[in-house]
Protein backbone atom coordinates (compact mmCIF):
# COMPACT_ATOMS: atom_id res chain seq x y z
CA MET A 1 92.14 120.93 111.92
CA ARG A 2 94.24 122.63 109.35
CA LEU A 3 95.35 120.97 106.12
CA ASN A 4 99.02 121.69 105.54
CA ILE A 5 98.75 123.66 102.36
CA ARG A 6 99.51 121.26 99.57
CA ASN A 7 101.31 122.69 96.57
CA VAL A 8 101.42 120.33 93.67
CA THR A 9 103.51 121.11 90.61
CA MET A 10 102.32 119.57 87.35
CA ILE A 11 102.96 120.24 83.74
CA HIS A 12 101.79 123.83 82.90
CA MET A 13 100.25 124.36 86.37
CA SER A 14 100.81 124.37 90.10
CA LEU A 15 97.93 123.49 92.38
CA ARG A 16 97.27 124.90 95.81
CA ILE A 17 94.95 122.61 97.81
CA THR A 18 93.46 123.62 101.16
CA THR A 19 90.23 123.06 103.12
CA LEU A 20 87.28 125.34 102.47
CA ALA A 21 87.51 126.24 106.15
CA GLU A 22 90.86 127.81 105.41
CA ARG A 23 89.75 129.63 102.32
CA PRO A 24 85.99 130.36 102.74
CA SER A 25 86.14 132.80 99.92
CA PHE A 26 85.67 129.91 97.60
CA GLU A 27 82.21 129.14 98.90
CA PRO A 28 80.27 131.32 96.39
CA ALA A 29 81.94 129.45 93.41
CA LEU A 30 81.91 126.02 95.02
CA TRP A 31 78.94 124.65 93.06
CA ASP A 32 79.11 127.02 90.09
CA MET A 33 82.34 125.54 88.64
CA GLU A 34 82.11 124.23 85.09
CA HIS A 35 81.81 120.46 85.33
CA SER A 36 81.01 117.37 83.29
CA TRP A 37 78.24 115.85 85.40
CA SER A 38 74.96 114.86 83.70
CA THR A 39 71.83 116.67 84.87
CA PHE A 40 70.14 113.50 86.26
CA MET A 41 73.11 113.00 88.62
CA PHE A 42 71.90 116.03 90.63
CA GLN A 43 68.56 114.55 91.31
CA ASP A 44 69.36 112.09 94.14
CA PRO A 45 67.39 113.48 97.20
CA ILE A 46 69.91 112.12 99.66
CA ALA A 47 72.33 114.80 98.37
CA ASP A 48 70.27 117.41 100.21
CA LEU A 49 71.49 116.01 103.49
CA PHE A 50 75.06 117.11 102.70
CA TYR A 51 75.49 119.79 100.02
CA PRO A 52 73.23 122.57 101.46
CA VAL A 53 75.26 122.47 104.69
CA ALA A 54 78.68 121.48 103.29
CA ALA A 55 80.15 124.96 103.60
CA THR A 56 78.94 125.47 107.20
CA GLU A 57 78.91 122.06 108.82
CA TYR A 58 81.54 120.24 106.78
CA ALA A 59 83.98 122.98 105.76
CA ASP A 60 86.90 121.01 107.23
CA TYR A 61 85.91 118.11 105.02
CA VAL A 62 85.70 120.08 101.73
CA LEU A 63 88.92 120.58 99.72
CA VAL A 64 89.35 123.41 97.25
CA ALA A 65 92.13 123.85 94.68
CA ASP A 66 93.27 126.63 92.53
CA ASP A 67 96.20 127.11 90.08
CA SER A 68 98.96 129.56 90.89
CA GLY A 69 98.57 130.81 87.37
CA GLU A 70 94.91 131.69 88.11
CA PRO A 71 94.79 132.30 91.87
CA GLY A 72 91.29 132.51 93.20
CA ARG A 73 89.71 130.56 90.35
CA LEU A 74 88.45 127.18 91.48
CA ALA A 75 90.19 124.34 89.67
CA ALA A 76 88.74 121.44 91.63
CA ARG A 77 86.75 120.48 94.76
CA GLY A 78 86.74 117.40 96.86
CA CYS A 79 84.10 116.41 99.44
CA MET A 80 84.31 113.96 102.33
CA ILE A 81 81.90 113.14 105.24
CA PRO A 82 82.53 111.50 108.55
CA PHE A 83 80.10 108.75 109.52
CA PRO A 84 79.68 106.02 112.09
CA SER A 85 81.05 102.70 110.76
CA GLY A 86 78.74 100.68 112.96
CA GLY A 87 81.11 97.71 112.64
CA ASP A 88 79.00 96.23 109.79
CA GLY A 89 81.42 96.77 106.92
CA LEU A 90 80.86 99.05 104.04
CA PRO A 91 77.20 99.55 103.25
CA ASP A 92 75.52 98.30 100.14
CA ASP A 93 73.85 101.65 99.70
CA GLY A 94 77.23 103.32 99.18
CA TRP A 95 77.14 107.03 98.48
CA ASP A 96 73.59 107.40 99.72
CA GLY A 97 74.40 105.31 102.73
CA VAL A 98 77.40 107.27 104.06
CA ILE A 99 75.60 110.59 103.61
CA ARG A 100 72.54 109.32 105.47
CA ARG A 101 74.64 107.75 108.26
CA GLY A 102 76.77 110.87 108.60
CA TRP A 103 73.69 113.14 108.70
CA LEU A 104 72.02 110.94 111.34
CA GLY A 105 75.10 110.77 113.46
CA ARG A 106 75.59 114.57 113.37
CA ALA A 107 71.87 115.09 114.19
CA ARG A 108 71.96 112.67 117.11
CA ASN A 109 75.14 114.24 118.48
CA GLY A 110 73.52 117.66 118.28
CA SER A 111 76.70 119.29 117.04
CA ALA A 112 78.61 120.12 113.87
CA ALA A 113 80.75 117.39 112.34
CA ARG A 114 83.92 119.23 113.38
CA GLY A 115 82.86 118.97 117.00
CA ALA A 116 82.08 115.26 116.94
CA VAL A 117 84.20 112.76 118.74
CA SER A 118 87.31 111.97 116.72
CA PRO A 119 87.99 108.45 115.50
CA ASP A 120 91.09 108.09 117.81
CA ALA A 121 89.05 108.89 120.92
CA ALA A 122 87.84 105.32 121.29
CA SER A 123 90.86 103.58 119.86
CA PRO A 124 93.48 101.69 121.90
CA ASP A 125 96.00 104.38 120.98
CA ALA A 126 93.83 107.01 122.69
CA ALA A 127 95.77 106.47 125.91
CA SER A 128 99.15 106.78 124.25
CA PRO A 129 101.17 110.08 124.55
CA ASP A 130 100.96 110.67 120.83
CA ALA A 131 97.16 110.35 120.78
CA ALA A 132 96.52 112.76 123.65
CA SER A 133 95.89 116.28 122.55
CA PRO A 134 97.79 119.19 124.13
CA ASP A 135 94.62 120.21 125.96
CA ALA A 136 94.46 116.83 127.67
CA ALA A 137 97.38 117.76 129.91
CA SER A 138 96.51 121.39 130.40
CA PRO A 139 95.79 122.90 133.78
CA ASP A 140 92.11 123.32 132.86
CA ALA A 141 91.76 119.54 132.37
CA ALA A 142 92.35 119.00 136.10
CA SER A 143 90.60 122.17 137.35
CA PRO A 144 87.84 122.08 139.90
CA ASP A 145 85.38 122.79 137.14
CA ALA A 146 86.20 119.47 135.51
CA ALA A 147 84.51 117.77 138.52
CA SER A 148 81.50 120.13 138.65
CA PRO A 149 78.07 118.62 139.41
CA ASP A 150 77.02 119.19 135.73
CA ALA A 151 79.84 116.96 134.56
CA ALA A 152 78.39 114.00 136.43
CA SER A 153 74.71 114.82 136.12
CA PRO A 154 72.35 112.16 134.76
CA ASP A 155 71.59 114.33 131.74
CA ALA A 156 75.29 114.67 130.88
CA ALA A 157 75.80 110.96 131.28
CA SER A 158 72.77 110.25 129.15
CA ALA A 159 74.04 112.55 126.43
CA GLN A 160 77.41 110.92 126.49
CA ASP A 161 75.90 107.43 126.23
CA SER A 162 73.75 108.42 123.26
CA ALA A 163 76.56 110.16 121.35
CA VAL A 164 77.51 108.57 117.99
CA MET A 165 81.12 107.95 117.25
CA LEU A 166 81.88 109.35 113.77
CA ASP A 167 84.76 106.97 113.36
CA ALA A 168 84.95 106.58 109.61
CA VAL A 169 85.32 108.95 106.74
CA SER A 170 84.22 108.57 103.12
CA ALA A 171 85.07 110.55 99.99
CA LEU A 172 81.90 111.76 98.21
CA GLU A 173 83.25 113.35 95.14
CA ILE A 174 86.14 114.90 93.37
CA THR A 175 85.10 117.31 90.65
CA VAL A 176 87.63 118.89 88.27
CA ARG A 177 86.82 121.88 86.19
CA ARG A 178 85.90 120.84 82.69
CA ASP A 179 88.86 122.48 80.94
CA LEU A 180 91.30 120.75 83.30
CA LEU A 181 90.04 117.21 82.83
CA GLY A 182 92.94 114.81 82.04
CA SER A 183 95.56 117.18 83.32
CA GLY A 184 96.49 115.25 86.43
CA VAL A 185 94.35 117.17 88.89
CA SER A 186 92.33 114.18 90.04
CA PRO A 187 95.38 112.18 91.35
CA ALA A 188 96.52 115.28 93.22
CA MET A 189 93.14 115.73 94.90
CA VAL A 190 93.03 112.02 95.86
CA ALA A 191 96.46 112.40 97.56
CA ALA A 192 95.31 115.59 99.34
CA MET A 193 92.21 113.70 100.57
CA ARG A 194 94.35 110.93 101.92
CA ASP A 195 96.70 113.35 103.70
CA HIS A 196 93.83 115.34 105.26
CA ALA A 197 91.93 112.35 106.43
CA ALA A 198 95.08 111.04 108.09
CA ARG A 199 95.61 114.42 109.86
CA LEU A 200 92.01 114.41 111.07
CA GLY A 201 92.95 111.14 112.86
CA PHE A 202 91.27 108.60 110.55
CA ARG A 203 93.09 105.38 109.74
CA GLU A 204 91.24 104.65 106.53
CA LEU A 205 89.64 106.72 103.82
CA VAL A 206 86.91 104.87 101.92
CA ALA A 207 85.18 105.89 98.74
CA PRO A 208 82.20 104.70 96.71
CA VAL A 209 83.90 105.17 93.42
CA ARG A 210 81.94 105.91 90.24
CA PRO A 211 84.09 104.30 87.47
CA THR A 212 84.45 106.90 84.68
CA GLN A 213 84.31 104.50 81.77
CA LYS A 214 81.53 102.22 83.00
CA HIS A 215 78.91 104.30 81.10
CA LEU A 216 80.34 102.87 77.94
CA GLU A 217 79.20 99.41 79.04
CA PRO A 218 75.84 99.99 80.75
CA HIS A 219 74.73 96.37 80.45
CA THR A 220 77.98 94.89 81.93
CA PRO A 221 77.41 93.93 85.59
CA MET A 222 79.47 96.09 87.92
CA SER A 223 80.68 92.94 89.67
CA GLU A 224 82.44 92.03 86.41
CA TYR A 225 83.58 95.44 85.38
CA ALA A 226 84.99 96.55 88.77
CA PHE A 227 87.49 93.72 88.99
CA ARG A 228 88.67 93.73 85.33
CA THR A 229 92.36 94.42 85.05
CA ARG A 230 95.01 95.19 82.46
CA GLU A 231 98.13 93.16 81.72
CA ASP A 232 99.99 95.13 84.40
CA GLY A 233 97.45 94.05 87.03
CA LEU A 234 95.92 97.53 87.45
CA PRO A 235 92.15 98.16 86.94
CA SER A 236 90.95 98.63 83.43
CA ASP A 237 88.95 101.65 84.48
CA ALA A 238 90.88 104.89 84.61
CA TRP A 239 89.35 106.29 87.79
CA LEU A 240 89.66 103.02 89.66
CA ARG A 241 93.25 102.92 88.47
CA VAL A 242 93.91 106.37 90.02
CA HIS A 243 92.73 105.16 93.36
CA VAL A 244 94.69 101.92 93.27
CA ARG A 245 97.90 103.69 92.25
CA ALA A 246 97.32 105.97 95.25
CA GLY A 247 97.31 102.96 97.56
CA ALA A 248 93.64 101.88 97.65
CA ARG A 249 92.32 98.35 97.22
CA ILE A 250 88.97 97.48 95.67
CA VAL A 251 86.72 96.01 98.34
CA LYS A 252 83.35 95.29 96.79
CA VAL A 253 80.47 96.60 94.79
CA ALA A 254 77.89 98.91 96.35
CA PRO A 255 74.85 97.67 94.28
CA ARG A 256 72.49 100.61 95.17
CA SER A 257 74.89 103.42 95.80
CA MET A 258 72.69 106.14 94.35
CA VAL A 259 68.91 106.10 93.54
CA VAL A 260 67.27 108.65 91.31
CA ALA A 261 63.50 108.42 90.76
CA GLY A 262 61.40 110.67 88.71
CA THR A 263 58.28 110.99 86.58
CA LEU A 264 58.60 110.30 82.92
CA GLU A 265 58.29 114.05 82.29
CA GLU A 266 61.19 114.78 84.63
CA TRP A 267 63.39 112.18 82.98
CA ARG A 268 62.56 113.71 79.57
CA GLU A 269 63.58 117.02 80.86
CA TRP A 270 66.85 115.71 82.47
CA THR A 271 67.92 113.68 79.47
CA GLY A 272 66.12 114.82 76.33
CA LEU A 273 65.00 111.22 75.69
CA PRO A 274 61.35 110.24 75.04
CA PHE A 275 60.90 107.62 77.86
CA ASP A 276 57.91 106.25 75.99
CA ARG A 277 58.64 102.55 76.15
CA PRO A 278 58.65 100.23 79.09
CA GLY A 279 61.87 98.50 80.08
CA PRO A 280 65.55 99.49 80.33
CA VAL A 281 66.56 102.82 78.82
CA GLU A 282 70.16 103.63 78.04
CA VAL A 283 70.93 107.16 79.20
CA PRO A 284 74.17 108.90 78.22
CA GLY A 285 76.45 109.07 81.28
CA ALA A 286 74.45 106.49 83.18
CA LEU A 287 76.45 103.43 84.45
CA VAL A 288 73.46 101.11 84.03
CA PRO A 289 70.12 101.38 82.22
CA VAL A 290 67.24 103.37 83.79
CA HIS A 291 64.16 101.31 84.45
CA CYS A 292 61.16 102.87 82.79
CA ASP A 293 57.58 102.05 83.77
CA VAL A 294 55.25 103.79 81.35
CA ALA A 295 52.09 102.32 82.77
CA HIS A 296 52.82 103.86 86.13
CA GLY A 297 54.42 107.05 84.81
CA HIS A 298 57.81 106.87 86.44
CA ALA A 299 61.43 105.74 85.85
CA VAL A 300 64.12 104.77 88.37
CA TYR A 301 67.91 104.72 88.15
CA VAL A 302 69.78 102.62 90.64
CA GLU A 303 73.56 103.20 90.28
CA PRO A 304 76.08 100.78 91.48
CA ASN A 305 79.43 102.10 92.70
CA VAL A 306 82.66 100.39 93.74
CA TRP A 307 83.91 100.58 97.36
CA VAL A 308 87.63 101.20 97.63
CA SER A 309 89.68 101.50 100.85
CA HIS A 310 92.69 103.66 101.33
CA PRO A 311 94.69 102.58 104.41
CA LEU A 312 96.24 105.67 106.06
CA THR A 313 98.58 104.06 108.57
């Protein structure tokens, strides 16, 4: 699935946004771009189920952007993952949860994400003319091979029955190059994600949002912070505000969206803090305190995020 090349003109720059599949030359620079993430944010082990294979298995779900003034230099990236919704609502384990579900679904299907069943395949609209792909009416679709013994074999039926429908899609991140923060790139990337998810056939884009200003209030419960609004009714948090302005609604808190556990020595290395007293430790960039257990030699960070839903139809 191709993303219609999105050219976004902003003050002093013009972004060109495509999928990584369309411009694979960006792969070497994808994770080397200058960013503002804290070191401890890279220590969630669930991330290993997505990022090492993002460029190969999820290239159609990774967006890359560059500026026409600096063509070929990565300005921003955005990552999404398809996952089975399961009909249980948005998971409390947020970011970790959609990556794990997406990985398990892909593994069970035994194919790359881009080859999984599309969300429209099981929808009521799947029988409508608009939902049917051009190949559905091609001569090959009705050829003798379509009724071959293999097509109706027990093994084929069993594989079909066990297939997992990757009928939902979640944003995982939008990262903007450090020198471009605050320049309007993030809203453009959100809009491009919405457009691409819709073209892929999804009717909703969800996102476990990490509010950018929550780290300034680590002791405020996320359930209070997430629903705080300004006089104009928009969220107080700038990043949540970007999503709502793009058409999203805030759904609920994901109380254990990311989990980072480490030894005290690891946390000292990641943060430069002593971690020598038991109890909550405020870490720069963390949305909530890290729980330090000196007696047992470890500390654990459980980050809450905020689920938002972008309707696409």
